């Protein structure tokens, strides 16, 4: 059972909707090797880099249009 399933997710922007872990990061928050991986796998253009986030555990892409947990 996931640790976050029993708790209210106050910071939904930081929790991955796929794996439930608090590993979601924006482009500017990632380390160089994480950015390199995202760049090679997803090829995000500049606009997507500003609005989307990625889970650095399962690499799920999270956009602004994704549903948020409250």
C-alpha atoms as a PDB file:
ATOM      1  CA  UNK A   1       0.000   0.000   0.000  1.00  0.00           C
ATOM      2  CA  UNK A   2       1.270   3.414  -0.936  1.00  0.00           C
ATOM      3  CA  UNK A   3       2.110   5.851   1.856  1.00  0.00           C
ATOM      4  CA  UNK A   4       0.133   8.686   0.237  1.00  0.00           C
ATOM      5  CA  UNK A   5      -3.106   6.754  -0.326  1.00  0.00           C
ATOM      6  CA  UNK A   6      -4.273   7.387   3.240  1.00  0.00           C
ATOM      7  CA  UNK A   7      -3.379  11.051   3.321  1.00  0.00           C
ATOM      8  CA  UNK A   8      -4.834  14.192   1.786  1.00  0.00           C
ATOM      9  CA  UNK A   9      -2.593  15.362  -0.993  1.00  0.00           C
ATOM     10  CA  UNK A  10      -2.050  19.019  -0.176  1.00  0.00           C
ATOM     11  CA  UNK A  11       0.727  19.492  -2.703  1.00  0.00           C
ATOM     12  CA  UNK A  12      -0.735  17.680  -5.705  1.00  0.00           C
ATOM     13  CA  UNK A  13       1.745  19.290  -8.087  1.00  0.00           C
ATOM     14  CA  UNK A  14       4.563  17.294  -6.491  1.00  0.00           C
ATOM     15  CA  UNK A  15       2.827  13.882  -6.392  1.00  0.00           C
ATOM     16  CA  UNK A  16       2.765  11.655  -9.474  1.00  0.00           C
ATOM     17  CA  UNK A  17      -0.695  10.548 -10.559  1.00  0.00           C
ATOM     18  CA  UNK A  18       0.699   7.254 -11.891  1.00  0.00           C
ATOM     19  CA  UNK A  19       2.983   5.994  -9.122  1.00  0.00           C
ATOM     20  CA  UNK A  20       1.820   8.226  -6.242  1.00  0.00           C
ATOM     21  CA  UNK A  21       5.327   9.228  -5.207  1.00  0.00           C
ATOM     22  CA  UNK A  22       6.383  12.838  -4.519  1.00  0.00           C
ATOM     23  CA  UNK A  23       8.964  12.880  -7.308  1.00  0.00           C
ATOM     24  CA  UNK A  24       7.363  15.268  -9.833  1.00  0.00           C
ATOM     25  CA  UNK A  25       9.749  18.000 -10.951  1.00  0.00           C
ATOM     26  CA  UNK A  26       9.671  20.890 -13.362  1.00  0.00           C
ATOM     27  CA  UNK A  27      12.398  21.306 -15.974  1.00  0.00           C
ATOM     28  CA  UNK A  28      14.269  23.865 -13.843  1.00  0.00           C
ATOM     29  CA  UNK A  29      14.178  21.604 -10.756  1.00  0.00           C
ATOM     30  CA  UNK A  30      15.767  18.604 -12.499  1.00  0.00           C
ATOM     31  CA  UNK A  31      19.404  17.622 -12.383  1.00  0.00           C
ATOM     32  CA  UNK A  32      21.406  17.635 -15.605  1.00  0.00           C
ATOM     33  CA  UNK A  33      21.171  13.877 -16.139  1.00  0.00           C
ATOM     34  CA  UNK A  34      17.383  13.938 -15.569  1.00  0.00           C
ATOM     35  CA  UNK A  35      17.001  16.743 -18.124  1.00  0.00           C
ATOM     36  CA  UNK A  36      19.077  14.775 -20.608  1.00  0.00           C
ATOM     37  CA  UNK A  37      16.827  11.729 -20.171  1.00  0.00           C
ATOM     38  CA  UNK A  38      13.631  13.784 -20.604  1.00  0.00           C
ATOM     39  CA  UNK A  39      15.108  15.534 -23.624  1.00  0.00           C
ATOM     40  CA  UNK A  40      15.974  12.232 -25.318  1.00  0.00           C
ATOM     41  CA  UNK A  41      12.732  10.431 -24.472  1.00  0.00           C
ATOM     42  CA  UNK A  42      10.090  13.163 -24.820  1.00  0.00           C
ATOM     43  CA  UNK A  43      11.809  15.852 -26.940  1.00  0.00           C
ATOM     44  CA  UNK A  44       9.873  18.676 -25.245  1.00  0.00           C
ATOM     45  CA  UNK A  45       9.789  22.021 -27.006  1.00  0.00           C
ATOM     46  CA  UNK A  46      10.328  25.191 -24.988  1.00  0.00           C
ATOM     47  CA  UNK A  47       6.614  25.747 -24.252  1.00  0.00           C
ATOM     48  CA  UNK A  48       6.224  22.215 -22.853  1.00  0.00           C
ATOM     49  CA  UNK A  49       9.301  22.655 -20.679  1.00  0.00           C
ATOM     50  CA  UNK A  50       7.659  25.629 -18.958  1.00  0.00           C
ATOM     51  CA  UNK A  51       4.252  24.054 -18.369  1.00  0.00           C
ATOM     52  CA  UNK A  52       4.872  20.328 -17.938  1.00  0.00           C
ATOM     53  CA  UNK A  53       6.495  18.337 -15.162  1.00  0.00           C
ATOM     54  CA  UNK A  54       7.908  14.825 -15.080  1.00  0.00           C
ATOM     55  CA  UNK A  55       8.038  12.171 -12.388  1.00  0.00           C
ATOM     56  CA  UNK A  56      11.692  11.230 -12.007  1.00  0.00           C
ATOM     57  CA  UNK A  57      10.740   7.781 -10.682  1.00  0.00           C
ATOM     58  CA  UNK A  58       8.393   6.431 -13.379  1.00  0.00           C
ATOM     59  CA  UNK A  59       8.886   9.256 -15.965  1.00  0.00           C
ATOM     60  CA  UNK A  60       5.186  10.035 -16.282  1.00  0.00           C
ATOM     61  CA  UNK A  61       4.644  13.415 -17.949  1.00  0.00           C
ATOM     62  CA  UNK A  62       2.277  15.748 -16.113  1.00  0.00           C
ATOM     63  CA  UNK A  63       0.823  18.778 -17.891  1.00  0.00           C
ATOM     64  CA  UNK A  64      -1.230  21.704 -16.671  1.00  0.00           C
ATOM     65  CA  UNK A  65      -4.350  20.115 -18.121  1.00  0.00           C
ATOM     66  CA  UNK A  66      -3.980  16.975 -15.987  1.00  0.00           C
ATOM     67  CA  UNK A  67      -6.543  16.437 -13.205  1.00  0.00           C
ATOM     68  CA  UNK A  68      -5.328  17.445  -9.766  1.00  0.00           C
ATOM     69  CA  UNK A  69      -6.049  15.612  -6.529  1.00  0.00           C
ATOM     70  CA  UNK A  70      -7.327  17.630  -3.614  1.00  0.00           C
END
